[in-house]
Amino acid sequence: MDKEIISAGWAGESELSFEAAMERLEIIVGRLENGDVPLEQAIELFQQGMKLSHLCGKKLEQVERKIEILVEENGSLAKKPFAAGADEG
């Protein structure tokens, strides 16, 4: 079944949800960590994993751009864009 999940739907990879891409990535990592796949298949799995990792990164960046935080300025609330990695202290 893992093989079906990994190979199914690669043509529409960019349409995967973040969760579906992460699930596929976890399966690939598990198979590679087991070390019981032939070299050619391991290379293919690695390439698919890199594509999924890139896809997940892009989806996270899109979400970060959409997030706004509310901050209090001079007694009123104001919307500010989310700044990833900003100091919270």
PDB file of N, CA and C in Angstrom:
ATOM      1  N   MET A   1       0.823  -1.203   0.000  1.00  0.00           N
ATOM      2  CA  MET A   1       0.000   0.000   0.000  1.00  0.00           C
ATOM      3  C   MET A   1       0.864   1.263   0.000  1.00  0.00           C
ATOM      4  N   ASP A   2       1.984   1.252   0.734  1.00  0.00           N
ATOM      5  CA  ASP A   2       2.869   2.409   0.751  1.00  0.00           C
ATOM      6  C   ASP A   2       3.312   2.779  -0.645  1.00  0.00           C
ATOM      7  N   LYS A   3       3.636   1.759  -1.446  1.00  0.00           N
ATOM      8  CA  LYS A   3       4.095   2.002  -2.801  1.00  0.00           C
ATOM      9  C   LYS A   3       3.000   2.689  -3.620  1.00  0.00           C
ATOM     10  N   GLU A   4       1.736   2.292  -3.410  1.00  0.00           N
ATOM     11  CA  GLU A   4       0.628   2.913  -4.117  1.00  0.00           C
ATOM     12  C   GLU A   4       0.477   4.374  -3.716  1.00  0.00           C
ATOM     13  N   ILE A   5       0.624   4.654  -2.440  1.00  0.00           N
ATOM     14  CA  ILE A   5       0.485   6.035  -1.952  1.00  0.00           C
ATOM     15  C   ILE A   5       1.585   6.899  -2.537  1.00  0.00           C
ATOM     16  N   ILE A   6       2.790   6.361  -2.595  1.00  0.00           N
ATOM     17  CA  ILE A   6       3.920   7.138  -3.087  1.00  0.00           C
ATOM     18  C   ILE A   6       3.803   7.401  -4.575  1.00  0.00           C
ATOM     19  N   SER A   7       3.443   6.371  -5.347  1.00  0.00           N
ATOM     20  CA  SER A   7       3.434   6.532  -6.793  1.00  0.00           C
ATOM     21  C   SER A   7       2.141   7.134  -7.325  1.00  0.00           C
ATOM     22  N   ALA A   8       1.077   7.109  -6.563  1.00  0.00           N
ATOM     23  CA  ALA A   8      -0.219   7.592  -7.038  1.00  0.00           C
ATOM     24  C   ALA A   8      -0.243   9.111  -7.116  1.00  0.00           C
ATOM     25  N   GLY A   9      -0.713   9.609  -8.237  1.00  0.00           N
ATOM     26  CA  GLY A   9      -1.008  11.030  -8.342  1.00  0.00           C
ATOM     27  C   GLY A   9       0.177  11.960  -8.435  1.00  0.00           C
ATOM     28  N   TRP A  10       1.307  11.517  -8.902  1.00  0.00           N
ATOM     29  CA  TRP A  10       2.462  12.423  -8.962  1.00  0.00           C
ATOM     30  C   TRP A  10       2.291  13.501 -10.017  1.00  0.00           C
ATOM     31  N   ALA A  11       1.451  13.251 -10.995  1.00  0.00           N
ATOM     32  CA  ALA A  11       1.232  14.272 -12.019  1.00  0.00           C
ATOM     33  C   ALA A  11       0.586  15.507 -11.404  1.00  0.00           C
ATOM     34  N   GLY A  12      -0.290  15.325 -10.404  1.00  0.00           N
ATOM     35  CA  GLY A  12      -0.965  16.439  -9.758  1.00  0.00           C
ATOM     36  C   GLY A  12      -0.338  16.808  -8.436  1.00  0.00           C
ATOM     37  N   GLU A  13       0.950  16.610  -8.321  1.00  0.00           N
ATOM     38  CA  GLU A  13       1.664  16.830  -7.064  1.00  0.00           C
ATOM     39  C   GLU A  13       1.454  18.228  -6.487  1.00  0.00           C
ATOM     40  N   SER A  14       1.448  19.264  -7.341  1.00  0.00           N
ATOM     41  CA  SER A  14       1.311  20.628  -6.839  1.00  0.00           C
ATOM     42  C   SER A  14      -0.081  20.887  -6.274  1.00  0.00           C
ATOM     43  N   GLU A  15      -1.035  20.013  -6.571  1.00  0.00           N
ATOM     44  CA  GLU A  15      -2.392  20.174  -6.060  1.00  0.00           C
ATOM     45  C   GLU A  15      -2.589  19.486  -4.718  1.00  0.00           C
ATOM     46  N   LEU A  16      -1.567  18.782  -4.230  1.00  0.00           N
ATOM     47  CA  LEU A  16      -1.674  18.100  -2.940  1.00  0.00           C
ATOM     48  C   LEU A  16      -1.844  19.102  -1.812  1.00  0.00           C
ATOM     49  N   SER A  17      -2.603  18.718  -0.813  1.00  0.00           N
ATOM     50  CA  SER A  17      -2.677  19.556   0.373  1.00  0.00           C
ATOM     51  C   SER A  17      -1.374  19.400   1.145  1.00  0.00           C
ATOM     52  N   PHE A  18      -1.117  20.318   2.044  1.00  0.00           N
ATOM     53  CA  PHE A  18       0.083  20.239   2.873  1.00  0.00           C
ATOM     54  C   PHE A  18       0.116  18.919   3.626  1.00  0.00           C
ATOM     55  N   GLU A  19      -1.031  18.537   4.190  1.00  0.00           N
ATOM     56  CA  GLU A  19      -1.112  17.314   4.990  1.00  0.00           C
ATOM     57  C   GLU A  19      -0.834  16.069   4.154  1.00  0.00           C
ATOM     58  N   ALA A  20      -1.395  16.024   2.930  1.00  0.00           N
ATOM     59  CA  ALA A  20      -1.171  14.874   2.055  1.00  0.00           C
ATOM     60  C   ALA A  20       0.294  14.791   1.635  1.00  0.00           C
ATOM     61  N   ALA A  21       0.902  15.929   1.340  1.00  0.00           N
ATOM     62  CA  ALA A  21       2.311  15.945   0.960  1.00  0.00           C
ATOM     63  C   ALA A  21       3.181  15.485   2.127  1.00  0.00           C
ATOM     64  N   MET A  22       2.862  15.930   3.340  1.00  0.00           N
ATOM     65  CA  MET A  22       3.630  15.508   4.518  1.00  0.00           C
ATOM     66  C   MET A  22       3.474  14.012   4.759  1.00  0.00           C
ATOM     67  N   GLU A  23       2.275  13.483   4.558  1.00  0.00           N
ATOM     68  CA  GLU A  23       2.049  12.052   4.742  1.00  0.00           C
ATOM     69  C   GLU A  23       2.910  11.252   3.772  1.00  0.00           C
ATOM     70  N   ARG A  24       2.897  11.661   2.509  1.00  0.00           N
ATOM     71  CA  ARG A  24       3.720  10.971   1.509  1.00  0.00           C
ATOM     72  C   ARG A  24       5.204  11.086   1.849  1.00  0.00           C
ATOM     73  N   LEU A  25       5.615  12.260   2.299  1.00  0.00           N
ATOM     74  CA  LEU A  25       7.010  12.474   2.660  1.00  0.00           C
ATOM     75  C   LEU A  25       7.422  11.574   3.822  1.00  0.00           C
ATOM     76  N   GLU A  26       6.556  11.436   4.811  1.00  0.00           N
ATOM     77  CA  GLU A  26       6.849  10.560   5.954  1.00  0.00           C
ATOM     78  C   GLU A  26       6.997   9.105   5.514  1.00  0.00           C
ATOM     79  N   ILE A  27       6.157   8.668   4.575  1.00  0.00           N
ATOM     80  CA  ILE A  27       6.250   7.302   4.065  1.00  0.00           C
ATOM     81  C   ILE A  27       7.583   7.097   3.348  1.00  0.00           C
ATOM     82  N   ILE A  28       7.953   8.068   2.529  1.00  0.00           N
ATOM     83  CA  ILE A  28       9.216   7.975   1.797  1.00  0.00           C
ATOM     84  C   ILE A  28      10.394   7.921   2.754  1.00  0.00           C
ATOM     85  N   VAL A  29      10.401   8.792   3.742  1.00  0.00           N
ATOM     86  CA  VAL A  29      11.493   8.813   4.719  1.00  0.00           C
ATOM     87  C   VAL A  29      11.576   7.476   5.443  1.00  0.00           C
ATOM     88  N   GLY A  30      10.437   6.924   5.827  1.00  0.00           N
ATOM     89  CA  GLY A  30      10.422   5.626   6.508  1.00  0.00           C
ATOM     90  C   GLY A  30      11.021   4.528   5.651  1.00  0.00           C
ATOM     91  N   ARG A  31      10.665   4.514   4.385  1.00  0.00           N
ATOM     92  CA  ARG A  31      11.196   3.486   3.478  1.00  0.00           C
ATOM     93  C   ARG A  31      12.696   3.658   3.287  1.00  0.00           C
ATOM     94  N   LEU A  32      13.151   4.903   3.163  1.00  0.00           N
ATOM     95  CA  LEU A  32      14.585   5.136   2.991  1.00  0.00           C
ATOM     96  C   LEU A  32      15.357   4.795   4.263  1.00  0.00           C
ATOM     97  N   GLU A  33      14.777   5.086   5.419  1.00  0.00           N
ATOM     98  CA  GLU A  33      15.444   4.758   6.687  1.00  0.00           C
ATOM     99  C   GLU A  33      15.561   3.260   6.902  1.00  0.00           C
ATOM    100  N   ASN A  34      14.585   2.492   6.413  1.00  0.00           N
ATOM    101  CA  ASN A  34      14.648   1.039   6.538  1.00  0.00           C
ATOM    102  C   ASN A  34      15.826   0.468   5.767  1.00  0.00           C
ATOM    103  N   GLY A  35      16.192   1.102   4.676  1.00  0.00           N
ATOM    104  CA  GLY A  35      17.338   0.666   3.898  1.00  0.00           C
ATOM    105  C   GLY A  35      17.114  -0.599   3.104  1.00  0.00           C
ATOM    106  N   ASP A  36      15.868  -1.025   2.938  1.00  0.00           N
ATOM    107  CA  ASP A  36      15.597  -2.275   2.231  1.00  0.00           C
ATOM    108  C   ASP A  36      15.099  -2.057   0.807  1.00  0.00           C
ATOM    109  N   VAL A  37      15.386  -0.886   0.230  1.00  0.00           N
ATOM    110  CA  VAL A  37      14.995  -0.618  -1.151  1.00  0.00           C
ATOM    111  C   VAL A  37      16.246  -0.632  -2.032  1.00  0.00           C
ATOM    112  N   PRO A  38      16.113  -1.126  -3.251  1.00  0.00           N
ATOM    113  CA  PRO A  38      17.255  -1.114  -4.171  1.00  0.00           C
ATOM    114  C   PRO A  38      17.720   0.317  -4.450  1.00  0.00           C
ATOM    115  N   LEU A  39      18.950   0.453  -4.847  1.00  0.00           N
ATOM    116  CA  LEU A  39      19.551   1.772  -5.060  1.00  0.00           C
ATOM    117  C   LEU A  39      18.749   2.631  -6.029  1.00  0.00           C
ATOM    118  N   GLU A  40      18.352   2.081  -7.165  1.00  0.00           N
ATOM    119  CA  GLU A  40      17.598   2.856  -8.153  1.00  0.00           C
ATOM    120  C   GLU A  40      16.293   3.387  -7.560  1.00  0.00           C
ATOM    121  N   GLN A  41      15.610   2.542  -6.803  1.00  0.00           N
ATOM    122  CA  GLN A  41      14.347   2.959  -6.194  1.00  0.00           C
ATOM    123  C   GLN A  41      14.615   3.981  -5.092  1.00  0.00           C
ATOM    124  N   ALA A  42      15.702   3.820  -4.358  1.00  0.00           N
ATOM    125  CA  ALA A  42      16.054   4.772  -3.304  1.00  0.00           C
ATOM    126  C   ALA A  42      16.305   6.157  -3.900  1.00  0.00           C
ATOM    127  N   ILE A  43      16.970   6.185  -5.047  1.00  0.00           N
ATOM    128  CA  ILE A  43      17.225   7.470  -5.718  1.00  0.00           C
ATOM    129  C   ILE A  43      15.913   8.110  -6.148  1.00  0.00           C
ATOM    130  N   GLU A  44      15.013   7.303  -6.716  1.00  0.00           N
ATOM    131  CA  GLU A  44      13.705   7.818  -7.130  1.00  0.00           C
ATOM    132  C   GLU A  44      12.914   8.329  -5.920  1.00  0.00           C
ATOM    133  N   LEU A  45      12.925   7.581  -4.834  1.00  0.00           N
ATOM    134  CA  LEU A  45      12.221   8.004  -3.618  1.00  0.00           C
ATOM    135  C   LEU A  45      12.813   9.303  -3.075  1.00  0.00           C
ATOM    136  N   PHE A  46      14.144   9.389  -3.103  1.00  0.00           N
ATOM    137  CA  PHE A  46      14.803  10.602  -2.625  1.00  0.00           C
ATOM    138  C   PHE A  46      14.374  11.806  -3.453  1.00  0.00           C
ATOM    139  N   GLN A  47      14.337  11.656  -4.777  1.00  0.00           N
ATOM    140  CA  GLN A  47      13.921  12.755  -5.648  1.00  0.00           C
ATOM    141  C   GLN A  47      12.481  13.166  -5.377  1.00  0.00           C
ATOM    142  N   GLN A  48      11.602  12.180  -5.197  1.00  0.00           N
ATOM    143  CA  GLN A  48      10.204  12.484  -4.886  1.00  0.00           C
ATOM    144  C   GLN A  48      10.114  13.190  -3.536  1.00  0.00           C
ATOM    145  N   GLY A  49      10.903  12.736  -2.582  1.00  0.00           N
ATOM    146  CA  GLY A  49      10.916  13.362  -1.262  1.00  0.00           C
ATOM    147  C   GLY A  49      11.367  14.808  -1.319  1.00  0.00           C
ATOM    148  N   MET A  50      12.365  15.084  -2.146  1.00  0.00           N
ATOM    149  CA  MET A  50      12.840  16.461  -2.285  1.00  0.00           C
ATOM    150  C   MET A  50      11.765  17.347  -2.904  1.00  0.00           C
ATOM    151  N   LYS A  51      11.048  16.824  -3.890  1.00  0.00           N
ATOM    152  CA  LYS A  51       9.953  17.588  -4.497  1.00  0.00           C
ATOM    153  C   LYS A  51       8.871  17.882  -3.462  1.00  0.00           C
ATOM    154  N   LEU A  52       8.530  16.873  -2.667  1.00  0.00           N
ATOM    155  CA  LEU A  52       7.506  17.065  -1.637  1.00  0.00           C
ATOM    156  C   LEU A  52       7.965  18.052  -0.579  1.00  0.00           C
ATOM    157  N   SER A  53       9.229  17.970  -0.199  1.00  0.00           N
ATOM    158  CA  SER A  53       9.773  18.901   0.788  1.00  0.00           C
ATOM    159  C   SER A  53       9.689  20.335   0.273  1.00  0.00           C
ATOM    160  N   HIS A  54      10.043  20.527  -0.980  1.00  0.00           N
ATOM    161  CA  HIS A  54       9.964  21.855  -1.593  1.00  0.00           C
ATOM    162  C   HIS A  54       8.516  22.343  -1.639  1.00  0.00           C
ATOM    163  N   LEU A  55       7.604  21.449  -2.003  1.00  0.00           N
ATOM    164  CA  LEU A  55       6.183  21.787  -2.063  1.00  0.00           C
ATOM    165  C   LEU A  55       5.670  22.226  -0.683  1.00  0.00           C
ATOM    166  N   CYS A  56       6.029  21.469   0.344  1.00  0.00           N
ATOM    167  CA  CYS A  56       5.605  21.815   1.713  1.00  0.00           C
ATOM    168  C   CYS A  56       6.171  23.163   2.125  1.00  0.00           C
ATOM    169  N   GLY A  57       7.426  23.418   1.785  1.00  0.00           N
ATOM    170  CA  GLY A  57       8.038  24.706   2.110  1.00  0.00           C
ATOM    171  C   GLY A  57       7.312  25.858   1.440  1.00  0.00           C
ATOM    172  N   LYS A  58       6.948  25.678   0.163  1.00  0.00           N
ATOM    173  CA  LYS A  58       6.224  26.721  -0.551  1.00  0.00           C
ATOM    174  C   LYS A  58       4.856  26.967   0.071  1.00  0.00           C
ATOM    175  N   LYS A  59       4.170  25.886   0.445  1.00  0.00           N
ATOM    176  CA  LYS A  59       2.845  26.043   1.056  1.00  0.00           C
ATOM    177  C   LYS A  59       2.950  26.771   2.403  1.00  0.00           C
ATOM    178  N   LEU A  60       3.982  26.477   3.182  1.00  0.00           N
ATOM    179  CA  LEU A  60       4.167  27.167   4.457  1.00  0.00           C
ATOM    180  C   LEU A  60       4.457  28.651   4.243  1.00  0.00           C
ATOM    181  N   GLU A  61       5.255  28.970   3.229  1.00  0.00           N
ATOM    182  CA  GLU A  61       5.539  30.376   2.927  1.00  0.00           C
ATOM    183  C   GLU A  61       4.265  31.117   2.540  1.00  0.00           C
ATOM    184  N   GLN A  62       3.396  30.461   1.764  1.00  0.00           N
ATOM    185  CA  GLN A  62       2.135  31.087   1.370  1.00  0.00           C
ATOM    186  C   GLN A  62       1.277  31.378   2.595  1.00  0.00           C
ATOM    187  N   VAL A  63       1.241  30.443   3.521  1.00  0.00           N
ATOM    188  CA  VAL A  63       0.443  30.628   4.733  1.00  0.00           C
ATOM    189  C   VAL A  63       1.016  31.767   5.572  1.00  0.00           C
ATOM    190  N   GLU A  64       2.339  31.820   5.707  1.00  0.00           N
ATOM    191  CA  GLU A  64       2.957  32.892   6.482  1.00  0.00           C
ATOM    192  C   GLU A  64       2.592  34.260   5.925  1.00  0.00           C
ATOM    193  N   ARG A  65       2.542  34.375   4.604  1.00  0.00           N
ATOM    194  CA  ARG A  65       2.189  35.660   3.995  1.00  0.00           C
ATOM    195  C   ARG A  65       0.748  36.043   4.301  1.00  0.00           C
ATOM    196  N   LYS A  66      -0.106  35.061   4.512  1.00  0.00           N
ATOM    197  CA  LYS A  66      -1.518  35.337   4.769  1.00  0.00           C
ATOM    198  C   LYS A  66      -1.794  35.684   6.230  1.00  0.00           C
ATOM    199  N   ILE A  67      -0.913  35.237   7.102  1.00  0.00           N
ATOM    200  CA  ILE A  67      -1.159  35.433   8.535  1.00  0.00           C
ATOM    201  C   ILE A  67      -0.904  36.885   8.921  1.00  0.00           C
ATOM    202  N   GLU A  68      -1.822  37.415   9.648  1.00  0.00           N
ATOM    203  CA  GLU A  68      -1.649  38.746  10.216  1.00  0.00           C
ATOM    204  C   GLU A  68      -1.782  38.620  11.725  1.00  0.00           C
ATOM    205  N   ILE A  69      -1.041  39.418  12.429  1.00  0.00           N
ATOM    206  CA  ILE A  69      -1.154  39.406  13.881  1.00  0.00           C
ATOM    207  C   ILE A  69      -1.729  40.740  14.341  1.00  0.00           C
ATOM    208  N   LEU A  70      -2.434  40.663  15.413  1.00  0.00           N
ATOM    209  CA  LEU A  70      -2.987  41.879  15.994  1.00  0.00           C
ATOM    210  C   LEU A  70      -2.053  42.347  17.104  1.00  0.00           C
ATOM    211  N   VAL A  71      -1.680  43.584  17.063  1.00  0.00           N
ATOM    212  CA  VAL A  71      -0.835  44.150  18.101  1.00  0.00           C
ATOM    213  C   VAL A  71      -1.503  45.400  18.650  1.00  0.00           C
ATOM    214  N   GLU A  72      -1.204  45.654  19.890  1.00  0.00           N
ATOM    215  CA  GLU A  72      -1.776  46.849  20.507  1.00  0.00           C
ATOM    216  C   GLU A  72      -0.824  48.006  20.311  1.00  0.00           C
ATOM    217  N   GLU A  73      -1.335  49.068  19.730  1.00  0.00           N
ATOM    218  CA  GLU A  73      -0.552  50.287  19.529  1.00  0.00           C
ATOM    219  C   GLU A  73      -1.365  51.469  20.042  1.00  0.00           C
ATOM    220  N   ASN A  74      -0.815  52.166  20.991  1.00  0.00           N
ATOM    221  CA  ASN A  74      -1.454  53.353  21.545  1.00  0.00           C
ATOM    222  C   ASN A  74      -2.897  53.109  21.960  1.00  0.00           C
ATOM    223  N   GLY A  75      -3.147  51.987  22.595  1.00  0.00           N
ATOM    224  CA  GLY A  75      -4.468  51.698  23.121  1.00  0.00           C
ATOM    225  C   GLY A  75      -5.451  51.115  22.130  1.00  0.00           C
ATOM    226  N   SER A  76      -5.059  50.922  20.887  1.00  0.00           N
ATOM    227  CA  SER A  76      -5.962  50.306  19.914  1.00  0.00           C
ATOM    228  C   SER A  76      -5.245  49.142  19.223  1.00  0.00           C
ATOM    229  N   LEU A  77      -6.058  48.256  18.667  1.00  0.00           N
ATOM    230  CA  LEU A  77      -5.496  47.104  17.976  1.00  0.00           C
ATOM    231  C   LEU A  77      -5.221  47.451  16.526  1.00  0.00           C
ATOM    232  N   ALA A  78      -4.082  46.977  16.024  1.00  0.00           N
ATOM    233  CA  ALA A  78      -3.721  47.204  14.628  1.00  0.00           C
ATOM    234  C   ALA A  78      -3.261  45.889  14.013  1.00  0.00           C
ATOM    235  N   LYS A  79      -3.563  45.689  12.742  1.00  0.00           N
ATOM    236  CA  LYS A  79      -3.101  44.505  12.027  1.00  0.00           C
ATOM    237  C   LYS A  79      -1.682  44.724  11.543  1.00  0.00           C
ATOM    238  N   LYS A  80      -0.855  43.728  11.751  1.00  0.00           N
ATOM    239  CA  LYS A  80       0.526  43.767  11.248  1.00  0.00           C
ATOM    240  C   LYS A  80       0.785  42.464  10.511  1.00  0.00           C
ATOM    241  N   PRO A  81       1.589  42.503   9.461  1.00  0.00           N
ATOM    242  CA  PRO A  81       1.940  41.252   8.794  1.00  0.00           C
ATOM    243  C   PRO A  81       2.775  40.373   9.714  1.00  0.00           C
ATOM    244  N   PHE A  82       2.628  39.082   9.536  1.00  0.00           N
ATOM    245  CA  PHE A  82       3.378  38.118  10.318  1.00  0.00           C
ATOM    246  C   PHE A  82       4.839  38.184   9.899  1.00  0.00           C
ATOM    247  N   ALA A  83       5.732  38.291  10.859  1.00  0.00           N
ATOM    248  CA  ALA A  83       7.163  38.307  10.575  1.00  0.00           C
ATOM    249  C   ALA A  83       7.763  37.031  11.138  1.00  0.00           C
ATOM    250  N   ALA A  84       8.045  36.071  10.284  1.00  0.00           N
ATOM    251  CA  ALA A  84       8.621  34.808  10.719  1.00  0.00           C
ATOM    252  C   ALA A  84       9.975  35.052  11.345  1.00  0.00           C
ATOM    253  N   GLY A  85      10.193  34.417  12.482  1.00  0.00           N
ATOM    254  CA  GLY A  85      11.475  34.534  13.162  1.00  0.00           C
ATOM    255  C   GLY A  85      11.643  35.804  13.954  1.00  0.00           C
ATOM    256  N   ALA A  86      10.607  36.596  14.082  1.00  0.00           N
ATOM    257  CA  ALA A  86      10.700  37.828  14.860  1.00  0.00           C
ATOM    258  C   ALA A  86      10.824  37.511  16.338  1.00  0.00           C
ATOM    259  N   ASP A  87      11.577  38.327  17.028  1.00  0.00           N
ATOM    260  CA  ASP A  87      11.751  38.131  18.471  1.00  0.00           C
ATOM    261  C   ASP A  87      10.438  38.346  19.183  1.00  0.00           C
ATOM    262  N   GLU A  88      10.113  37.424  20.087  1.00  0.00           N
ATOM    263  CA  GLU A  88       8.853  37.540  20.819  1.00  0.00           C
ATOM    264  C   GLU A  88       9.059  38.073  22.222  1.00  0.00           C
ATOM    265  N   GLY A  89      10.248  38.371  22.602  1.00  0.00           N
ATOM    266  CA  GLY A  89      10.496  38.755  23.981  1.00  0.00           C
ATOM    267  C   GLY A  89      10.898  40.122  24.082  1.00  0.00           C
TER     268      GLY A  89
END
